[in-house]
């Protein structure tokens, strides 16, 4: 057994495994529970986010329902719904019934995804926005029943910028490989500002709904914008998933502001990796490797996730110098960054307690 964490104000790097951890944003797409078991041994709780994307909603639900039954103390999930069915006369009723089904199976909340605002259209070719009245009965139900809503609406700000103006290299690589998702190239889609306006409209109309903005609420480019919503909407929370390079970049430019932000709003922020746990891989050699050596594949997948998790935990919990690599498009930014060294109290809120409380 490891020794207990020392009773000091701050964590040390050696405390990572012993510290309580909650990944509040992963995507678990396999019935294989070895990843959950490994996480539990590392003091890590997992929250899988079902998403209205290319992996069947029904299959995601079945996977998570199965894992929840097998690991009720260390695994949770959020349900989702089929927004493309919005033209049905019974859309709201059917969706509410589906949410009830998810809750009965143990879902801790519901997710709405960015296909609302960026992909789904009505018969006239107009984009369905998140503040459309068709969703009002659903939001009212969630608010009344105090069911948390995780919302990934819009996308990172870089998505609407030309490649040469993007701030982090991971976005450059992604949008160069996926031009269909690069909204700068598709001016017919609703603007970034319209996506944020739709989200804020929901918060204004349903102030008692527990609302979590995924990926820093798509405002990773400016923590002042996040803070404005924190002040205006008391039930607005954020998760940090998938935006760590953006936070590193922001820290280089505004380190004290970043520290102040995490200290002031520490009870409204949740950690998440946005990690995909799946045996499906687009690369043929990885498919073969997973088929031949499934246990090894899952072990490597978990180790890779843990390395990333640890780097990010160290950034918040210690003043250790972190090797970030060439994450920034600004050649003047170094490839390392000093950790923020937030107190144990704040780190525990962000990495464990807030998710436990909200979900």
Protein backbone atom coordinates (compact mmCIF):
# COMPACT_ATOMS: atom_id res chain seq x y z
CA UNK A 1 0.00 0.00 0.00
CA UNK A 2 1.18 3.51 -0.79
CA UNK A 3 1.69 5.92 2.05
CA UNK A 4 -1.00 8.48 2.70
CA UNK A 5 -0.70 11.92 1.15
CA UNK A 6 1.13 14.30 3.45
CA UNK A 7 -1.06 16.83 5.25
CA UNK A 8 0.28 19.93 3.53
CA UNK A 9 -1.32 22.77 1.59
CA UNK A 10 0.02 21.59 -1.76
CA UNK A 11 0.44 18.30 -3.59
CA UNK A 12 3.80 16.91 -4.64
CA UNK A 13 4.36 15.08 -7.95
CA UNK A 14 4.50 11.78 -6.06
CA UNK A 15 0.89 12.23 -4.93
CA UNK A 16 -0.65 11.73 -8.37
CA UNK A 17 -1.65 8.07 -8.06
CA UNK A 18 -2.90 8.47 -4.48
CA UNK A 19 -4.92 11.63 -5.13
CA UNK A 20 -8.65 11.22 -5.90
CA UNK A 21 -9.38 11.70 -9.60
CA UNK A 22 -12.54 11.97 -11.69
CA UNK A 23 -12.40 12.08 -15.48
CA UNK A 24 -15.69 13.84 -16.20
CA UNK A 25 -15.45 13.58 -19.99
CA UNK A 26 -14.50 10.35 -21.72
CA UNK A 27 -16.19 8.33 -24.47
CA UNK A 28 -16.39 4.61 -23.69
CA UNK A 29 -17.32 2.55 -26.77
CA UNK A 30 -16.58 -1.05 -25.82
CA UNK A 31 -18.06 -3.65 -23.48
CA UNK A 32 -14.51 -4.54 -22.38
CA UNK A 33 -14.30 -3.24 -18.81
CA UNK A 34 -10.53 -3.59 -18.34
CA UNK A 35 -10.03 0.18 -18.73
CA UNK A 36 -12.55 0.85 -15.93
CA UNK A 37 -10.82 -1.65 -13.66
CA UNK A 38 -7.40 -0.12 -14.31
CA UNK A 39 -8.80 3.35 -13.64
CA UNK A 40 -10.28 2.23 -10.32
CA UNK A 41 -6.90 0.93 -9.19
CA UNK A 42 -5.46 4.38 -9.95
CA UNK A 43 -8.14 6.11 -7.80
CA UNK A 44 -9.89 7.34 -10.94
CA UNK A 45 -13.66 7.59 -11.48
CA UNK A 46 -14.89 7.67 -15.09
CA UNK A 47 -17.86 9.51 -16.62
CA UNK A 48 -18.61 8.42 -20.19
CA UNK A 49 -20.40 10.93 -22.40
CA UNK A 50 -22.86 9.51 -24.92
CA UNK A 51 -22.87 11.66 -28.05
CA UNK A 52 -25.18 12.01 -31.05
CA UNK A 53 -22.38 11.20 -33.47
CA UNK A 54 -21.27 8.33 -35.73
CA UNK A 55 -21.40 5.60 -33.05
CA UNK A 56 -24.98 4.45 -32.48
CA UNK A 57 -26.73 6.15 -29.56
CA UNK A 58 -28.41 2.85 -28.68
CA UNK A 59 -25.08 0.99 -28.64
CA UNK A 60 -23.47 3.69 -26.51
CA UNK A 61 -26.36 3.39 -24.09
CA UNK A 62 -26.07 -0.41 -23.95
CA UNK A 63 -22.31 -0.23 -23.33
CA UNK A 64 -22.67 2.31 -20.54
CA UNK A 65 -25.63 0.56 -18.94
CA UNK A 66 -23.60 -2.66 -18.83
CA UNK A 67 -20.51 -0.97 -17.36
CA UNK A 68 -22.60 0.91 -14.80
CA UNK A 69 -24.10 -2.37 -13.57
CA UNK A 70 -20.67 -3.97 -13.29
CA UNK A 71 -18.90 -0.97 -11.74
CA UNK A 72 -21.49 1.14 -9.92
CA UNK A 73 -18.91 2.80 -7.65
CA UNK A 74 -16.35 3.84 -10.27
CA UNK A 75 -18.24 4.33 -13.56
CA UNK A 76 -21.00 6.74 -14.56
CA UNK A 77 -22.38 8.07 -17.82
CA UNK A 78 -24.46 10.76 -19.47
CA UNK A 79 -27.18 9.92 -21.96
CA UNK A 80 -27.98 11.83 -25.14
CA UNK A 81 -30.77 12.07 -27.71
CA UNK A 82 -31.30 12.12 -31.46
CA UNK A 83 -31.57 15.80 -32.40
CA UNK A 84 -32.11 14.90 -36.07
CA UNK A 85 -35.61 13.70 -35.16
CA UNK A 86 -36.68 17.25 -34.29
CA UNK A 87 -39.19 17.44 -37.17
CA UNK A 88 -41.33 14.73 -35.58
CA UNK A 89 -44.55 16.00 -34.00
CA UNK A 90 -43.73 13.95 -30.90
CA UNK A 91 -40.04 14.93 -30.73
CA UNK A 92 -40.20 16.58 -27.30
CA UNK A 93 -42.34 13.81 -25.76
CA UNK A 94 -40.18 11.06 -27.25
CA UNK A 95 -36.98 12.75 -26.12
CA UNK A 96 -38.25 13.23 -22.57
CA UNK A 97 -39.23 9.56 -22.42
CA UNK A 98 -35.77 8.62 -23.65
CA UNK A 99 -34.19 10.82 -20.97
CA UNK A 100 -36.31 9.05 -18.35
CA UNK A 101 -35.07 5.72 -19.71
CA UNK A 102 -31.47 6.92 -19.44
CA UNK A 103 -31.99 8.09 -15.89
CA UNK A 104 -33.59 4.80 -14.89
CA UNK A 105 -30.46 3.04 -16.18
CA UNK A 106 -28.25 5.27 -14.03
CA UNK A 107 -27.37 8.19 -16.33
CA UNK A 108 -26.16 11.18 -14.33
CA UNK A 109 -27.29 13.70 -16.92
CA UNK A 110 -27.82 14.37 -20.63
CA UNK A 111 -25.66 15.77 -23.43
CA UNK A 112 -26.51 17.98 -26.39
CA UNK A 113 -23.89 18.03 -29.14
CA UNK A 114 -22.64 20.49 -31.75
CA UNK A 115 -24.55 18.84 -34.59
CA UNK A 116 -27.20 21.22 -33.27
CA UNK A 117 -25.99 24.49 -34.76
CA UNK A 118 -23.52 23.05 -37.26
CA UNK A 119 -25.04 20.04 -39.03
CA UNK A 120 -28.77 19.47 -38.52
CA UNK A 121 -31.07 21.43 -40.85
CA UNK A 122 -34.79 21.79 -41.34
CA UNK A 123 -36.61 21.16 -44.60
CA UNK A 124 -35.92 24.73 -45.72
CA UNK A 125 -32.17 24.18 -45.31
CA UNK A 126 -31.90 26.34 -42.19
CA UNK A 127 -29.62 25.19 -39.38
CA UNK A 128 -31.26 24.00 -36.18
CA UNK A 129 -29.93 26.11 -33.30
CA UNK A 130 -29.80 25.11 -29.64
CA UNK A 131 -32.18 27.92 -28.65
CA UNK A 132 -34.87 26.79 -31.08
CA UNK A 133 -38.31 26.55 -29.39
CA UNK A 134 -38.49 22.86 -30.31
CA UNK A 135 -36.13 22.18 -27.38
CA UNK A 136 -38.05 24.25 -24.82
CA UNK A 137 -40.09 21.37 -23.32
CA UNK A 138 -36.88 19.36 -22.97
CA UNK A 139 -34.99 22.15 -21.23
CA UNK A 140 -37.99 22.82 -18.97
CA UNK A 141 -38.06 19.13 -18.01
CA UNK A 142 -34.33 19.06 -17.27
CA UNK A 143 -34.62 22.21 -15.18
CA UNK A 144 -37.62 20.92 -13.22
CA UNK A 145 -36.06 17.52 -12.55
CA UNK A 146 -32.62 19.02 -11.80
CA UNK A 147 -30.97 16.86 -14.46
CA UNK A 148 -27.58 18.27 -15.55
CA UNK A 149 -27.16 19.19 -19.21
CA UNK A 150 -23.68 18.96 -20.73
CA UNK A 151 -23.54 21.08 -23.87
CA UNK A 152 -20.92 20.99 -26.58
CA UNK A 153 -22.26 23.82 -28.73
CA UNK A 154 -20.26 25.52 -31.42
CA UNK A 155 -16.58 24.67 -31.41
CA UNK A 156 -13.22 26.17 -30.52
CA UNK A 157 -12.69 29.71 -31.78
CA UNK A 158 -9.91 28.56 -34.11
CA UNK A 159 -12.51 26.64 -36.08
CA UNK A 160 -13.72 29.95 -37.56
CA UNK A 161 -10.22 31.30 -38.30
CA UNK A 162 -7.92 30.73 -41.29
CA UNK A 163 -5.17 28.20 -40.68
CA UNK A 164 -2.46 30.85 -40.44
CA UNK A 165 -4.29 32.63 -37.59
CA UNK A 166 -4.87 29.58 -35.39
CA UNK A 167 -3.23 29.62 -31.97
CA UNK A 168 -2.39 25.96 -31.30
CA UNK A 169 -0.81 23.41 -33.60
CA UNK A 170 -3.24 20.59 -32.78
CA UNK A 171 -6.06 22.67 -34.29
CA UNK A 172 -3.96 23.38 -37.37
CA UNK A 173 -3.33 19.66 -37.88
CA UNK A 174 -6.94 18.71 -37.24
CA UNK A 175 -8.54 21.24 -39.57
CA UNK A 176 -6.01 20.61 -42.33
CA UNK A 177 -6.94 16.92 -42.19
CA UNK A 178 -10.66 17.62 -41.74
CA UNK A 179 -11.61 20.60 -43.91
CA UNK A 180 -15.29 19.63 -43.67
CA UNK A 181 -15.12 20.59 -39.97
CA UNK A 182 -13.26 23.86 -40.58
CA UNK A 183 -16.05 26.42 -40.40
CA UNK A 184 -13.89 29.17 -41.88
CA UNK A 185 -14.21 27.29 -45.16
CA UNK A 186 -17.99 27.07 -44.77
CA UNK A 187 -19.33 30.59 -44.30
CA UNK A 188 -22.88 29.36 -44.88
CA UNK A 189 -22.90 27.83 -41.40
CA UNK A 190 -23.96 29.93 -38.39
CA UNK A 191 -21.09 31.99 -37.01
CA UNK A 192 -19.15 31.36 -33.81
CA UNK A 193 -20.96 34.34 -32.26
CA UNK A 194 -24.34 32.87 -33.17
CA UNK A 195 -23.41 29.57 -31.48
CA UNK A 196 -22.47 31.36 -28.26
CA UNK A 197 -25.57 33.56 -28.41
CA UNK A 198 -27.79 30.48 -28.69
CA UNK A 199 -26.11 28.94 -25.62
CA UNK A 200 -26.45 32.14 -23.61
CA UNK A 201 -30.11 32.39 -24.58
CA UNK A 202 -30.73 28.98 -23.01
CA UNK A 203 -28.96 30.04 -19.83
CA UNK A 204 -31.08 33.20 -19.64
CA UNK A 205 -34.38 31.38 -20.15
CA UNK A 206 -33.62 28.44 -17.85
CA UNK A 207 -31.53 29.93 -15.02
CA UNK A 208 -32.16 27.01 -12.64
CA UNK A 209 -30.98 24.35 -15.07
CA UNK A 210 -27.63 22.78 -14.18
CA UNK A 211 -25.65 23.56 -17.33
CA UNK A 212 -22.11 22.41 -18.06
CA UNK A 213 -20.28 23.98 -20.99
CA UNK A 214 -18.05 21.28 -22.45
CA UNK A 215 -14.55 22.27 -23.56
CA UNK A 216 -14.54 25.53 -21.55
CA UNK A 217 -17.92 26.33 -23.03
CA UNK A 218 -16.24 26.82 -26.44
CA UNK A 219 -14.63 29.97 -25.03
CA UNK A 220 -11.12 28.57 -24.55
CA UNK A 221 -9.63 31.55 -26.38
CA UNK A 222 -10.54 34.05 -23.64
CA UNK A 223 -11.02 33.24 -19.96
CA UNK A 224 -12.54 36.67 -19.44
CA UNK A 225 -15.49 35.53 -21.57
CA UNK A 226 -15.84 32.40 -19.43
CA UNK A 227 -15.71 34.50 -16.26
CA UNK A 228 -18.50 36.76 -17.55
CA UNK A 229 -20.80 33.74 -17.84
CA UNK A 230 -19.75 32.46 -14.43
CA UNK A 231 -20.79 35.79 -12.93
CA UNK A 232 -24.01 36.08 -14.92
CA UNK A 233 -25.23 32.48 -14.63
CA UNK A 234 -24.80 30.85 -11.19
CA UNK A 235 -25.63 27.35 -12.51
CA UNK A 236 -23.12 27.50 -15.37
CA UNK A 237 -20.17 25.12 -15.03
CA UNK A 238 -17.39 24.17 -17.44
CA UNK A 239 -15.27 21.14 -18.13
CA UNK A 240 -11.70 21.47 -19.38
CA UNK A 241 -11.69 18.51 -21.76
CA UNK A 242 -9.78 18.71 -24.99
CA UNK A 243 -8.57 22.28 -24.51
CA UNK A 244 -5.31 21.91 -22.54
CA UNK A 245 -3.08 23.26 -25.28
CA UNK A 246 -5.29 26.34 -25.37
CA UNK A 247 -4.89 26.74 -21.60
CA UNK A 248 -1.10 26.38 -21.91
CA UNK A 249 -1.10 29.03 -24.63
CA UNK A 250 -3.26 31.35 -22.54
CA UNK A 251 -1.02 30.82 -19.52
CA UNK A 252 2.06 31.95 -21.46
CA UNK A 253 0.29 35.24 -22.17
CA UNK A 254 -1.72 35.76 -18.98
CA UNK A 255 -0.32 33.55 -16.23
CA UNK A 256 -1.64 35.52 -13.23
CA UNK A 257 -5.06 35.83 -14.82
CA UNK A 258 -5.18 32.06 -15.30
CA UNK A 259 -4.28 31.44 -11.65
CA UNK A 260 -6.88 33.96 -10.48
CA UNK A 261 -9.52 32.34 -12.70
CA UNK A 262 -8.98 28.84 -11.34
CA UNK A 263 -8.86 30.06 -7.76
CA UNK A 264 -12.01 32.19 -8.05
CA UNK A 265 -14.15 29.67 -9.92
CA UNK A 266 -12.66 26.47 -8.55
CA UNK A 267 -16.08 25.16 -7.50
CA UNK A 268 -17.45 25.49 -11.07
CA UNK A 269 -14.70 23.72 -13.06
CA UNK A 270 -14.36 20.01 -13.83
CA UNK A 271 -11.51 18.02 -15.29
CA UNK A 272 -11.99 15.76 -18.30
CA UNK A 273 -9.72 14.20 -20.92
CA UNK A 274 -12.14 13.68 -23.86
CA UNK A 275 -10.44 10.28 -24.18
CA UNK A 276 -11.91 7.65 -26.50
CA UNK A 277 -11.94 4.10 -25.16
CA UNK A 278 -12.65 1.98 -28.20
CA UNK A 279 -11.38 -1.07 -30.04
CA UNK A 280 -12.17 0.59 -33.34
CA UNK A 281 -9.37 2.39 -35.12
CA UNK A 282 -9.30 3.84 -38.63
CA UNK A 283 -5.72 2.69 -39.14
CA UNK A 284 -5.64 -0.87 -40.47
CA UNK A 285 -2.53 -1.93 -38.58
CA UNK A 286 -4.10 -0.78 -35.30
CA UNK A 287 -7.27 -2.73 -36.06
CA UNK A 288 -5.17 -5.85 -36.57
CA UNK A 289 -3.11 -5.22 -33.43
CA UNK A 290 -6.28 -4.79 -31.35
CA UNK A 291 -7.80 -7.96 -32.79
CA UNK A 292 -4.70 -10.04 -32.12
CA UNK A 293 -3.73 -8.53 -28.76
CA UNK A 294 -6.84 -6.96 -27.18
CA UNK A 295 -5.48 -6.98 -23.62
CA UNK A 296 -2.22 -5.36 -24.66
CA UNK A 297 -4.11 -2.80 -26.72
CA UNK A 298 -6.30 -1.77 -23.76
CA UNK A 299 -3.27 -1.66 -21.46
CA UNK A 300 -1.43 0.66 -23.84
CA UNK A 301 -4.53 2.79 -24.29
CA UNK A 302 -4.82 3.23 -20.52
CA UNK A 303 -1.12 3.99 -20.06
CA UNK A 304 -1.25 6.64 -22.77
CA UNK A 305 -4.28 8.27 -21.17
CA UNK A 306 -2.63 8.19 -17.73
CA UNK A 307 0.50 9.90 -19.02
CA UNK A 308 -1.60 12.72 -20.45
CA UNK A 309 -3.73 12.91 -17.29
CA UNK A 310 -0.63 13.10 -15.10
CA UNK A 311 0.96 15.92 -17.13
CA UNK A 312 -2.23 17.96 -16.82
CA UNK A 313 -2.62 17.19 -13.10
CA UNK A 314 0.99 18.23 -12.48
CA UNK A 315 0.36 21.49 -14.33
CA UNK A 316 -2.43 22.44 -11.92
CA UNK A 317 -1.13 20.85 -8.72
CA UNK A 318 2.60 21.65 -8.73
CA UNK A 319 5.14 24.20 -9.92
CA UNK A 320 7.01 21.52 -11.83
CA UNK A 321 8.24 22.52 -15.29
CA UNK A 322 6.12 20.62 -17.82
CA UNK A 323 7.38 19.64 -21.26
CA UNK A 324 4.58 20.74 -23.60
CA UNK A 325 6.24 20.13 -26.95
CA UNK A 326 5.50 22.38 -29.92
CA UNK A 327 1.86 22.95 -29.05
CA UNK A 328 1.74 26.64 -30.00
CA UNK A 329 1.78 28.22 -33.44
CA UNK A 330 3.71 31.13 -31.93
CA UNK A 331 7.42 30.37 -32.45
CA UNK A 332 8.27 32.59 -29.49
CA UNK A 333 6.48 30.29 -27.04
CA UNK A 334 8.86 27.77 -25.39
CA UNK A 335 8.23 24.03 -25.31
CA UNK A 336 7.86 23.91 -21.55
CA UNK A 337 5.74 25.64 -18.93
CA UNK A 338 5.82 26.01 -15.16
CA UNK A 339 2.89 24.53 -13.27
CA UNK A 340 0.31 26.75 -11.57
CA UNK A 341 0.72 25.11 -8.13
CA UNK A 342 -2.87 25.52 -7.00
CA UNK A 343 -3.70 24.42 -3.46
CA UNK A 344 -4.88 20.89 -2.66
CA UNK A 345 -8.33 22.27 -1.94
CA UNK A 346 -8.63 23.74 -5.43
CA UNK A 347 -7.05 20.77 -7.20
CA UNK A 348 -9.40 18.35 -5.44
CA UNK A 349 -12.41 20.43 -6.46
CA UNK A 350 -11.40 20.52 -10.13
CA UNK A 351 -10.17 16.95 -10.39
CA UNK A 352 -12.76 15.18 -8.22
CA UNK A 353 -15.23 16.92 -5.95
CA UNK A 354 -17.08 19.13 -8.44
CA UNK A 355 -17.94 16.25 -10.74
CA UNK A 356 -19.08 14.17 -7.79
CA UNK A 357 -21.29 17.01 -6.64
CA UNK A 358 -22.73 18.13 -10.00
CA UNK A 359 -23.33 14.67 -11.44
